[in-house]
Amino acid sequence: MSTHNQGHSNEGQHGGEEQQAAGQAVAGVSLSADGFALSPVKAPMGTGTEGELSFQVLGQDGQPVIEFAREHDKDLHLIVVRSDGAGFRHVHPVLDEGTGTWSLP
């Protein structure tokens, strides 16, 4: 797995989900486009906490999408950016085709 850090590490951050749960819009982020939507993201509660990041891409019917076009030899490229923009991670989650869930430790 390839990861890149710029500035501070932000492993385990999931501020977008917390802001959405509080009823606030996340600036510059869209949870849906072109008939697809991102499920709620599950992640560890804080930096340095062991756990798993997981989510699903949902189709118009609300069911997880399990067929994707491969780009640059990876099934999915995920860029996770700190809410303050001071750091990011480029990671490649793995798809569980049985549940349609993408995840990584």
PDB file of N, CA and C in Angstrom:
ATOM      1  N   MET A   1       0.838  -1.158   0.000  1.00  0.00           N
ATOM      2  CA  MET A   1       0.000   0.000   0.000  1.00  0.00           C
ATOM      3  C   MET A   1       0.890   1.231   0.000  1.00  0.00           C
ATOM      4  N   SER A   2       0.549   2.187  -0.806  1.00  0.00           N
ATOM      5  CA  SER A   2       1.310   3.424  -0.894  1.00  0.00           C
ATOM      6  C   SER A   2       0.625   4.498  -0.073  1.00  0.00           C
ATOM      7  N   THR A   3       1.379   5.157   0.784  1.00  0.00           N
ATOM      8  CA  THR A   3       0.822   6.283   1.532  1.00  0.00           C
ATOM      9  C   THR A   3       1.755   7.457   1.406  1.00  0.00           C
ATOM     10  N   HIS A   4       1.181   8.635   1.450  1.00  0.00           N
ATOM     11  CA  HIS A   4       1.960   9.857   1.386  1.00  0.00           C
ATOM     12  C   HIS A   4       1.485  10.750   2.507  1.00  0.00           C
ATOM     13  N   ASN A   5       2.394  11.336   3.236  1.00  0.00           N
ATOM     14  CA  ASN A   5       2.036  12.298   4.277  1.00  0.00           C
ATOM     15  C   ASN A   5       2.649  13.634   3.928  1.00  0.00           C
ATOM     16  N   GLN A   6       1.886  14.665   4.144  1.00  0.00           N
ATOM     17  CA  GLN A   6       2.395  16.011   3.982  1.00  0.00           C
ATOM     18  C   GLN A   6       2.034  16.735   5.263  1.00  0.00           C
ATOM     19  N   GLY A   7       2.988  17.334   5.919  1.00  0.00           N
ATOM     20  CA  GLY A   7       2.695  17.976   7.193  1.00  0.00           C
ATOM     21  C   GLY A   7       2.474  16.923   8.259  1.00  0.00           C
ATOM     22  N   HIS A   8       1.425  17.052   9.026  1.00  0.00           N
ATOM     23  CA  HIS A   8       1.137  16.150  10.134  1.00  0.00           C
ATOM     24  C   HIS A   8       0.317  14.966   9.670  1.00  0.00           C
ATOM     25  N   SER A   9       0.478  13.822  10.320  1.00  0.00           N
ATOM     26  CA  SER A   9      -0.333  12.651  10.039  1.00  0.00           C
ATOM     27  C   SER A   9      -1.717  12.866  10.602  1.00  0.00           C
ATOM     28  N   ASN A  10      -2.730  12.385   9.885  1.00  0.00           N
ATOM     29  CA  ASN A  10      -4.087  12.528  10.385  1.00  0.00           C
ATOM     30  C   ASN A  10      -4.816  11.193  10.366  1.00  0.00           C
ATOM     31  N   GLU A  11      -4.113  10.116  10.657  1.00  0.00           N
ATOM     32  CA  GLU A  11      -4.738   8.803  10.684  1.00  0.00           C
ATOM     33  C   GLU A  11      -5.875   8.797  11.688  1.00  0.00           C
ATOM     34  N   GLY A  12      -6.995   8.196  11.280  1.00  0.00           N
ATOM     35  CA  GLY A  12      -8.123   8.035  12.178  1.00  0.00           C
ATOM     36  C   GLY A  12      -9.052   9.229  12.231  1.00  0.00           C
ATOM     37  N   GLN A  13      -8.745  10.322  11.548  1.00  0.00           N
ATOM     38  CA  GLN A  13      -9.621  11.482  11.567  1.00  0.00           C
ATOM     39  C   GLN A  13     -10.854  11.200  10.726  1.00  0.00           C
ATOM     40  N   HIS A  14     -12.000  11.651  11.183  1.00  0.00           N
ATOM     41  CA  HIS A  14     -13.226  11.544  10.399  1.00  0.00           C
ATOM     42  C   HIS A  14     -14.143  12.701  10.725  1.00  0.00           C
ATOM     43  N   GLY A  15     -13.580  13.907  10.678  1.00  0.00           N
ATOM     44  CA  GLY A  15     -14.314  15.107  11.013  1.00  0.00           C
ATOM     45  C   GLY A  15     -15.530  15.336  10.144  1.00  0.00           C
ATOM     46  N   GLY A  16     -15.496  14.936   8.868  1.00  0.00           N
ATOM     47  CA  GLY A  16     -16.634  15.129   7.987  1.00  0.00           C
ATOM     48  C   GLY A  16     -17.870  14.432   8.500  1.00  0.00           C
ATOM     49  N   GLU A  17     -17.722  13.221   8.994  1.00  0.00           N
ATOM     50  CA  GLU A  17     -18.862  12.465   9.517  1.00  0.00           C
ATOM     51  C   GLU A  17     -19.412  13.138  10.762  1.00  0.00           C
ATOM     52  N   GLU A  18     -18.529  13.609  11.642  1.00  0.00           N
ATOM     53  CA  GLU A  18     -18.977  14.275  12.860  1.00  0.00           C
ATOM     54  C   GLU A  18     -19.711  15.570  12.536  1.00  0.00           C
ATOM     55  N   GLN A  19     -19.190  16.355  11.570  1.00  0.00           N
ATOM     56  CA  GLN A  19     -19.845  17.596  11.182  1.00  0.00           C
ATOM     57  C   GLN A  19     -21.209  17.311  10.575  1.00  0.00           C
ATOM     58  N   GLN A  20     -21.294  16.277   9.723  1.00  0.00           N
ATOM     59  CA  GLN A  20     -22.558  15.939   9.099  1.00  0.00           C
ATOM     60  C   GLN A  20     -23.563  15.516  10.162  1.00  0.00           C
ATOM     61  N   ALA A  21     -23.130  14.722  11.130  1.00  0.00           N
ATOM     62  CA  ALA A  21     -24.017  14.264  12.190  1.00  0.00           C
ATOM     63  C   ALA A  21     -24.539  15.435  13.000  1.00  0.00           C
ATOM     64  N   ALA A  22     -23.750  16.489  13.119  1.00  0.00           N
ATOM     65  CA  ALA A  22     -24.169  17.662  13.868  1.00  0.00           C
ATOM     66  C   ALA A  22     -25.058  18.575  13.030  1.00  0.00           C
ATOM     67  N   GLY A  23     -25.347  18.183  11.774  1.00  0.00           N
ATOM     68  CA  GLY A  23     -26.218  18.967  10.916  1.00  0.00           C
ATOM     69  C   GLY A  23     -25.514  20.068  10.157  1.00  0.00           C
ATOM     70  N   GLN A  24     -24.189  20.079  10.174  1.00  0.00           N
ATOM     71  CA  GLN A  24     -23.437  21.098   9.465  1.00  0.00           C
ATOM     72  C   GLN A  24     -22.968  20.546   8.127  1.00  0.00           C
ATOM     73  N   ALA A  25     -23.006  21.380   7.103  1.00  0.00           N
ATOM     74  CA  ALA A  25     -22.504  20.981   5.797  1.00  0.00           C
ATOM     75  C   ALA A  25     -20.982  20.953   5.818  1.00  0.00           C
ATOM     76  N   VAL A  26     -20.392  20.034   5.075  1.00  0.00           N
ATOM     77  CA  VAL A  26     -18.944  19.943   4.956  1.00  0.00           C
ATOM     78  C   VAL A  26     -18.551  20.726   3.710  1.00  0.00           C
ATOM     79  N   ALA A  27     -17.844  21.811   3.877  1.00  0.00           N
ATOM     80  CA  ALA A  27     -17.467  22.681   2.769  1.00  0.00           C
ATOM     81  C   ALA A  27     -16.553  21.952   1.786  1.00  0.00           C
ATOM     82  N   GLY A  28     -16.868  22.039   0.491  1.00  0.00           N
ATOM     83  CA  GLY A  28     -16.007  21.486  -0.543  1.00  0.00           C
ATOM     84  C   GLY A  28     -16.085  19.985  -0.710  1.00  0.00           C
ATOM     85  N   VAL A  29     -17.033  19.349  -0.076  1.00  0.00           N
ATOM     86  CA  VAL A  29     -17.147  17.897  -0.154  1.00  0.00           C
ATOM     87  C   VAL A  29     -18.560  17.534  -0.582  1.00  0.00           C
ATOM     88  N   SER A  30     -18.670  16.546  -1.456  1.00  0.00           N
ATOM     89  CA  SER A  30     -19.981  16.067  -1.875  1.00  0.00           C
ATOM     90  C   SER A  30     -20.100  14.603  -1.508  1.00  0.00           C
ATOM     91  N   LEU A  31     -21.209  14.220  -0.899  1.00  0.00           N
ATOM     92  CA  LEU A  31     -21.424  12.824  -0.532  1.00  0.00           C
ATOM     93  C   LEU A  31     -22.135  12.051  -1.622  1.00  0.00           C
ATOM     94  N   SER A  32     -22.542  12.742  -2.706  1.00  0.00           N
ATOM     95  CA  SER A  32     -23.181  12.052  -3.820  1.00  0.00           C
ATOM     96  C   SER A  32     -22.917  12.812  -5.113  1.00  0.00           C
ATOM     97  N   ALA A  33     -22.904  12.059  -6.217  1.00  0.00           N
ATOM     98  CA  ALA A  33     -22.720  12.634  -7.548  1.00  0.00           C
ATOM     99  C   ALA A  33     -23.088  11.592  -8.584  1.00  0.00           C
ATOM    100  N   ASP A  34     -23.716  12.026  -9.658  1.00  0.00           N
ATOM    101  CA  ASP A  34     -24.025  11.170 -10.802  1.00  0.00           C
ATOM    102  C   ASP A  34     -24.768   9.890 -10.413  1.00  0.00           C
ATOM    103  N   GLY A  35     -25.650   9.958  -9.439  1.00  0.00           N
ATOM    104  CA  GLY A  35     -26.438   8.792  -9.038  1.00  0.00           C
ATOM    105  C   GLY A  35     -25.765   7.875  -8.034  1.00  0.00           C
ATOM    106  N   PHE A  36     -24.556   8.194  -7.617  1.00  0.00           N
ATOM    107  CA  PHE A  36     -23.834   7.396  -6.627  1.00  0.00           C
ATOM    108  C   PHE A  36     -23.751   8.188  -5.324  1.00  0.00           C
ATOM    109  N   ALA A  37     -23.665   7.479  -4.202  1.00  0.00           N
ATOM    110  CA  ALA A  37     -23.553   8.141  -2.898  1.00  0.00           C
ATOM    111  C   ALA A  37     -22.552   7.390  -2.031  1.00  0.00           C
ATOM    112  N   LEU A  38     -21.936   8.105  -1.118  1.00  0.00           N
ATOM    113  CA  LEU A  38     -21.019   7.512  -0.147  1.00  0.00           C
ATOM    114  C   LEU A  38     -21.802   7.179   1.110  1.00  0.00           C
ATOM    115  N   SER A  39     -21.640   5.955   1.599  1.00  0.00           N
ATOM    116  CA  SER A  39     -22.281   5.563   2.857  1.00  0.00           C
ATOM    117  C   SER A  39     -21.610   6.294   4.011  1.00  0.00           C
ATOM    118  N   PRO A  40     -22.196   6.234   5.208  1.00  0.00           N
ATOM    119  CA  PRO A  40     -21.463   6.770   6.361  1.00  0.00           C
ATOM    120  C   PRO A  40     -20.109   6.067   6.487  1.00  0.00           C
ATOM    121  N   VAL A  41     -19.083   6.838   6.815  1.00  0.00           N
ATOM    122  CA  VAL A  41     -17.731   6.311   6.949  1.00  0.00           C
ATOM    123  C   VAL A  41     -17.508   5.894   8.397  1.00  0.00           C
ATOM    124  N   LYS A  42     -17.003   4.686   8.579  1.00  0.00           N
ATOM    125  CA  LYS A  42     -16.651   4.208   9.919  1.00  0.00           C
ATOM    126  C   LYS A  42     -15.138   4.308  10.050  1.00  0.00           C
ATOM    127  N   ALA A  43     -14.678   4.831  11.191  1.00  0.00           N
ATOM    128  CA  ALA A  43     -13.242   5.019  11.400  1.00  0.00           C
ATOM    129  C   ALA A  43     -12.943   5.078  12.890  1.00  0.00           C
ATOM    130  N   PRO A  44     -11.678   4.836  13.261  1.00  0.00           N
ATOM    131  CA  PRO A  44     -11.286   4.986  14.670  1.00  0.00           C
ATOM    132  C   PRO A  44     -11.610   6.398  15.156  1.00  0.00           C
ATOM    133  N   MET A  45     -11.787   6.533  16.443  1.00  0.00           N
ATOM    134  CA  MET A  45     -12.224   7.806  17.009  1.00  0.00           C
ATOM    135  C   MET A  45     -11.130   8.868  17.135  1.00  0.00           C
ATOM    136  N   GLY A  46      -9.864   8.494  17.000  1.00  0.00           N
ATOM    137  CA  GLY A  46      -8.834   9.508  17.144  1.00  0.00           C
ATOM    138  C   GLY A  46      -7.509   9.069  16.572  1.00  0.00           C
ATOM    139  N   THR A  47      -6.605  10.009  16.456  1.00  0.00           N
ATOM    140  CA  THR A  47      -5.263   9.749  15.969  1.00  0.00           C
ATOM    141  C   THR A  47      -4.559   8.762  16.887  1.00  0.00           C
ATOM    142  N   GLY A  48      -3.860   7.801  16.294  1.00  0.00           N
ATOM    143  CA  GLY A  48      -3.113   6.821  17.071  1.00  0.00           C
ATOM    144  C   GLY A  48      -3.961   5.687  17.604  1.00  0.00           C
ATOM    145  N   THR A  49      -5.252   5.665  17.270  1.00  0.00           N
ATOM    146  CA  THR A  49      -6.161   4.617  17.724  1.00  0.00           C
ATOM    147  C   THR A  49      -6.214   3.521  16.666  1.00  0.00           C
ATOM    148  N   GLU A  50      -5.988   2.268  17.084  1.00  0.00           N
ATOM    149  CA  GLU A  50      -6.070   1.146  16.153  1.00  0.00           C
ATOM    150  C   GLU A  50      -7.508   0.977  15.683  1.00  0.00           C
ATOM    151  N   GLY A  51      -7.685   0.544  14.466  1.00  0.00           N
ATOM    152  CA  GLY A  51      -9.025   0.304  13.959  1.00  0.00           C
ATOM    153  C   GLY A  51      -9.040   0.216  12.450  1.00  0.00           C
ATOM    154  N   GLU A  52     -10.220   0.324  11.895  1.00  0.00           N
ATOM    155  CA  GLU A  52     -10.410   0.156  10.459  1.00  0.00           C
ATOM    156  C   GLU A  52     -11.251   1.304   9.914  1.00  0.00           C
ATOM    157  N   LEU A  53     -10.881   1.798   8.741  1.00  0.00           N
ATOM    158  CA  LEU A  53     -11.671   2.759   7.996  1.00  0.00           C
ATOM    159  C   LEU A  53     -12.490   1.948   7.005  1.00  0.00           C
ATOM    160  N   SER A  54     -13.801   2.174   6.938  1.00  0.00           N
ATOM    161  CA  SER A  54     -14.617   1.434   5.981  1.00  0.00           C
ATOM    162  C   SER A  54     -15.790   2.279   5.504  1.00  0.00           C
ATOM    163  N   PHE A  55     -16.227   1.978   4.277  1.00  0.00           N
ATOM    164  CA  PHE A  55     -17.340   2.697   3.667  1.00  0.00           C
ATOM    165  C   PHE A  55     -17.833   1.900   2.460  1.00  0.00           C
ATOM    166  N   GLN A  56     -18.971   2.310   1.920  1.00  0.00           N
ATOM    167  CA  GLN A  56     -19.513   1.712   0.708  1.00  0.00           C
ATOM    168  C   GLN A  56     -19.838   2.820  -0.286  1.00  0.00           C
ATOM    169  N   VAL A  57     -19.778   2.484  -1.557  1.00  0.00           N
ATOM    170  CA  VAL A  57     -20.275   3.352  -2.618  1.00  0.00           C
ATOM    171  C   VAL A  57     -21.627   2.762  -3.003  1.00  0.00           C
ATOM    172  N   LEU A  58     -22.679   3.582  -2.894  1.00  0.00           N
ATOM    173  CA  LEU A  58     -24.034   3.105  -3.145  1.00  0.00           C
ATOM    174  C   LEU A  58     -24.539   3.593  -4.488  1.00  0.00           C
ATOM    175  N   GLY A  59     -25.250   2.707  -5.198  1.00  0.00           N
ATOM    176  CA  GLY A  59     -25.844   3.064  -6.481  1.00  0.00           C
ATOM    177  C   GLY A  59     -27.193   3.734  -6.297  1.00  0.00           C
ATOM    178  N   GLN A  60     -27.860   4.058  -7.408  1.00  0.00           N
ATOM    179  CA  GLN A  60     -29.157   4.722  -7.358  1.00  0.00           C
ATOM    180  C   GLN A  60     -30.198   3.903  -6.603  1.00  0.00           C
ATOM    181  N   ASP A  61     -30.042   2.587  -6.604  1.00  0.00           N
ATOM    182  CA  ASP A  61     -30.986   1.716  -5.903  1.00  0.00           C
ATOM    183  C   ASP A  61     -30.664   1.590  -4.413  1.00  0.00           C
ATOM    184  N   GLY A  62     -29.607   2.279  -3.946  1.00  0.00           N
ATOM    185  CA  GLY A  62     -29.218   2.235  -2.544  1.00  0.00           C
ATOM    186  C   GLY A  62     -28.370   1.028  -2.172  1.00  0.00           C
ATOM    187  N   GLN A  63     -28.077   0.177  -3.143  1.00  0.00           N
ATOM    188  CA  GLN A  63     -27.272  -1.024  -2.897  1.00  0.00           C
ATOM    189  C   GLN A  63     -25.797  -0.742  -3.169  1.00  0.00           C
ATOM    190  N   PRO A  64     -24.896  -1.434  -2.449  1.00  0.00           N
ATOM    191  CA  PRO A  64     -23.463  -1.238  -2.679  1.00  0.00           C
ATOM    192  C   PRO A  64     -23.050  -1.603  -4.104  1.00  0.00           C
ATOM    193  N   VAL A  65     -22.220  -0.788  -4.694  1.00  0.00           N
ATOM    194  CA  VAL A  65     -21.670  -1.044  -6.025  1.00  0.00           C
ATOM    195  C   VAL A  65     -20.429  -1.906  -5.839  1.00  0.00           C
ATOM    196  N   ILE A  66     -20.313  -2.995  -6.634  1.00  0.00           N
ATOM    197  CA  ILE A  66     -19.143  -3.875  -6.492  1.00  0.00           C
ATOM    198  C   ILE A  66     -18.327  -3.989  -7.776  1.00  0.00           C
ATOM    199  N   GLU A  67     -18.768  -3.346  -8.858  1.00  0.00           N
ATOM    200  CA  GLU A  67     -18.008  -3.384 -10.106  1.00  0.00           C
ATOM    201  C   GLU A  67     -17.480  -1.994 -10.403  1.00  0.00           C
ATOM    202  N   PHE A  68     -16.151  -1.889 -10.537  1.00  0.00           N
ATOM    203  CA  PHE A  68     -15.482  -0.622 -10.762  1.00  0.00           C
ATOM    204  C   PHE A  68     -14.454  -0.780 -11.870  1.00  0.00           C
ATOM    205  N   ALA A  69     -14.143   0.310 -12.548  1.00  0.00           N
ATOM    206  CA  ALA A  69     -13.066   0.320 -13.539  1.00  0.00           C
ATOM    207  C   ALA A  69     -11.745   0.521 -12.805  1.00  0.00           C
ATOM    208  N   ARG A  70     -10.753  -0.280 -13.136  1.00  0.00           N
ATOM    209  CA  ARG A  70      -9.434  -0.190 -12.504  1.00  0.00           C
ATOM    210  C   ARG A  70      -8.651   0.957 -13.142  1.00  0.00           C
ATOM    211  N   GLU A  71      -8.006   1.771 -12.305  1.00  0.00           N
ATOM    212  CA  GLU A  71      -7.182   2.893 -12.765  1.00  0.00           C
ATOM    213  C   GLU A  71      -5.802   2.807 -12.127  1.00  0.00           C
ATOM    214  N   HIS A  72      -4.773   2.953 -12.908  1.00  0.00           N
ATOM    215  CA  HIS A  72      -3.391   2.976 -12.417  1.00  0.00           C
ATOM    216  C   HIS A  72      -3.080   1.759 -11.544  1.00  0.00           C
ATOM    217  N   ASP A  73      -3.522   0.582 -11.979  1.00  0.00           N
ATOM    218  CA  ASP A  73      -3.243  -0.695 -11.325  1.00  0.00           C
ATOM    219  C   ASP A  73      -3.847  -0.851  -9.934  1.00  0.00           C
ATOM    220  N   LYS A  74      -4.806  -0.021  -9.556  1.00  0.00           N
ATOM    221  CA  LYS A  74      -5.476  -0.135  -8.258  1.00  0.00           C
ATOM    222  C   LYS A  74      -6.983  -0.047  -8.475  1.00  0.00           C
ATOM    223  N   ASP A  75      -7.738  -0.761  -7.630  1.00  0.00           N
ATOM    224  CA  ASP A  75      -9.191  -0.712  -7.735  1.00  0.00           C
ATOM    225  C   ASP A  75      -9.755   0.614  -7.243  1.00  0.00           C
ATOM    226  N   LEU A  76      -9.126   1.216  -6.234  1.00  0.00           N
ATOM    227  CA  LEU A  76      -9.614   2.484  -5.701  1.00  0.00           C
ATOM    228  C   LEU A  76      -8.455   3.284  -5.145  1.00  0.00           C
ATOM    229  N   HIS A  77      -8.434   4.552  -5.458  1.00  0.00           N
ATOM    230  CA  HIS A  77      -7.467   5.491  -4.892  1.00  0.00           C
ATOM    231  C   HIS A  77      -8.262   6.400  -3.967  1.00  0.00           C
ATOM    232  N   LEU A  78      -7.920   6.410  -2.699  1.00  0.00           N
ATOM    233  CA  LEU A  78      -8.618   7.218  -1.711  1.00  0.00           C
ATOM    234  C   LEU A  78      -7.643   8.248  -1.157  1.00  0.00           C
ATOM    235  N   ILE A  79      -8.011   9.505  -1.258  1.00  0.00           N
ATOM    236  CA  ILE A  79      -7.210  10.584  -0.695  1.00  0.00           C
ATOM    237  C   ILE A  79      -7.977  11.114   0.512  1.00  0.00           C
ATOM    238  N   VAL A  80      -7.380  10.981   1.692  1.00  0.00           N
ATOM    239  CA  VAL A  80      -7.992  11.461   2.929  1.00  0.00           C
ATOM    240  C   VAL A  80      -7.224  12.704   3.347  1.00  0.00           C
ATOM    241  N   VAL A  81      -7.941  13.816   3.494  1.00  0.00           N
ATOM    242  CA  VAL A  81      -7.311  15.097   3.801  1.00  0.00           C
ATOM    243  C   VAL A  81      -7.760  15.577   5.173  1.00  0.00           C
ATOM    244  N   ARG A  82      -6.809  16.060   5.964  1.00  0.00           N
ATOM    245  CA  ARG A  82      -7.153  16.641   7.270  1.00  0.00           C
ATOM    246  C   ARG A  82      -8.136  17.783   7.078  1.00  0.00           C
ATOM    247  N   SER A  83      -9.003  17.980   8.031  1.00  0.00           N
ATOM    248  CA  SER A  83      -9.990  19.054   7.928  1.00  0.00           C
ATOM    249  C   SER A  83      -9.336  20.430   7.869  1.00  0.00           C
ATOM    250  N   ASP A  84      -8.116  20.565   8.398  1.00  0.00           N
ATOM    251  CA  ASP A  84      -7.414  21.850   8.325  1.00  0.00           C
ATOM    252  C   ASP A  84      -6.505  21.934   7.096  1.00  0.00           C
ATOM    253  N   GLY A  85      -6.488  20.881   6.275  1.00  0.00           N
ATOM    254  CA  GLY A  85      -5.698  20.877   5.049  1.00  0.00           C
ATOM    255  C   GLY A  85      -4.203  20.700   5.260  1.00  0.00           C
ATOM    256  N   ALA A  86      -3.759  20.461   6.488  1.00  0.00           N
ATOM    257  CA  ALA A  86      -2.329  20.394   6.789  1.00  0.00           C
ATOM    258  C   ALA A  86      -1.692  19.048   6.454  1.00  0.00           C
ATOM    259  N   GLY A  87      -2.464  18.053   6.086  1.00  0.00           N
ATOM    260  CA  GLY A  87      -1.890  16.752   5.759  1.00  0.00           C
ATOM    261  C   GLY A  87      -2.872  15.902   4.997  1.00  0.00           C
ATOM    262  N   PHE A  88      -2.355  14.874   4.348  1.00  0.00           N
ATOM    263  CA  PHE A  88      -3.213  13.968   3.608  1.00  0.00           C
ATOM    264  C   PHE A  88      -2.594  12.582   3.563  1.00  0.00           C
ATOM    265  N   ARG A  89      -3.415  11.580   3.189  1.00  0.00           N
ATOM    266  CA  ARG A  89      -2.931  10.215   2.962  1.00  0.00           C
ATOM    267  C   ARG A  89      -3.528   9.723   1.662  1.00  0.00           C
ATOM    268  N   HIS A  90      -2.726   9.094   0.848  1.00  0.00           N
ATOM    269  CA  HIS A  90      -3.167   8.441  -0.386  1.00  0.00           C
ATOM    270  C   HIS A  90      -3.083   6.948  -0.122  1.00  0.00           C
ATOM    271  N   VAL A  91      -4.245   6.285  -0.071  1.00  0.00           N
ATOM    272  CA  VAL A  91      -4.296   4.873   0.293  1.00  0.00           C
ATOM    273  C   VAL A  91      -5.141   4.094  -0.715  1.00  0.00           C
ATOM    274  N   HIS A  92      -5.069   2.779  -0.637  1.00  0.00           N
ATOM    275  CA  HIS A  92      -5.796   1.906  -1.557  1.00  0.00           C
ATOM    276  C   HIS A  92      -6.582   0.866  -0.763  1.00  0.00           C
ATOM    277  N   PRO A  93      -7.838   1.189  -0.405  1.00  0.00           N
ATOM    278  CA  PRO A  93      -8.664   0.225   0.335  1.00  0.00           C
ATOM    279  C   PRO A  93      -8.927  -1.031  -0.491  1.00  0.00           C
ATOM    280  N   VAL A  94      -9.346  -2.086   0.198  1.00  0.00           N
ATOM    281  CA  VAL A  94      -9.659  -3.373  -0.431  1.00  0.00           C
ATOM    282  C   VAL A  94     -11.177  -3.557  -0.395  1.00  0.00           C
ATOM    283  N   LEU A  95     -11.735  -4.056  -1.498  1.00  0.00           N
ATOM    284  CA  LEU A  95     -13.175  -4.275  -1.596  1.00  0.00           C
ATOM    285  C   LEU A  95     -13.550  -5.680  -1.168  1.00  0.00           C
ATOM    286  N   ASP A  96     -14.513  -5.786  -0.259  1.00  0.00           N
ATOM    287  CA  ASP A  96     -15.140  -7.063   0.087  1.00  0.00           C
ATOM    288  C   ASP A  96     -16.345  -7.179  -0.838  1.00  0.00           C
ATOM    289  N   GLU A  97     -16.236  -7.985  -1.884  1.00  0.00           N
ATOM    290  CA  GLU A  97     -17.300  -8.088  -2.882  1.00  0.00           C
ATOM    291  C   GLU A  97     -18.589  -8.659  -2.316  1.00  0.00           C
ATOM    292  N   GLY A  98     -18.503  -9.395  -1.210  1.00  0.00           N
ATOM    293  CA  GLY A  98     -19.694  -9.946  -0.585  1.00  0.00           C
ATOM    294  C   GLY A  98     -20.591  -8.880   0.036  1.00  0.00           C
ATOM    295  N   THR A  99     -19.971  -7.849   0.614  1.00  0.00           N
ATOM    296  CA  THR A  99     -20.736  -6.784   1.270  1.00  0.00           C
ATOM    297  C   THR A  99     -20.675  -5.448   0.538  1.00  0.00           C
ATOM    298  N   GLY A 100     -19.741  -5.343  -0.433  1.00  0.00           N
ATOM    299  CA  GLY A 100     -19.566  -4.071  -1.133  1.00  0.00           C
ATOM    300  C   GLY A 100     -18.881  -3.023  -0.269  1.00  0.00           C
ATOM    301  N   THR A 101     -18.145  -3.471   0.748  1.00  0.00           N
ATOM    302  CA  THR A 101     -17.496  -2.552   1.681  1.00  0.00           C
ATOM    303  C   THR A 101     -16.012  -2.425   1.349  1.00  0.00           C
ATOM    304  N   TRP A 102     -15.550  -1.189   1.211  1.00  0.00           N
ATOM    305  CA  TRP A 102     -14.133  -0.888   1.055  1.00  0.00           C
ATOM    306  C   TRP A 102     -13.557  -0.664   2.435  1.00  0.00           C
ATOM    307  N   SER A 103     -12.359  -1.186   2.711  1.00  0.00           N
ATOM    308  CA  SER A 103     -11.772  -1.011   4.038  1.00  0.00           C
ATOM    309  C   SER A 103     -10.254  -1.057   3.992  1.00  0.00           C
ATOM    310  N   LEU A 104      -9.666  -0.498   5.049  1.00  0.00           N
ATOM    311  CA  LEU A 104      -8.229  -0.601   5.264  1.00  0.00           C
ATOM    312  C   LEU A 104      -7.951  -0.371   6.736  1.00  0.00           C
ATOM    313  N   PRO A 105      -6.883  -1.013   7.240  1.00  0.00           N
ATOM    314  CA  PRO A 105      -6.556  -0.852   8.667  1.00  0.00           C
ATOM    315  C   PRO A 105      -6.042   0.563   8.939  1.00  0.00           C
TER     316      PRO A 105
END
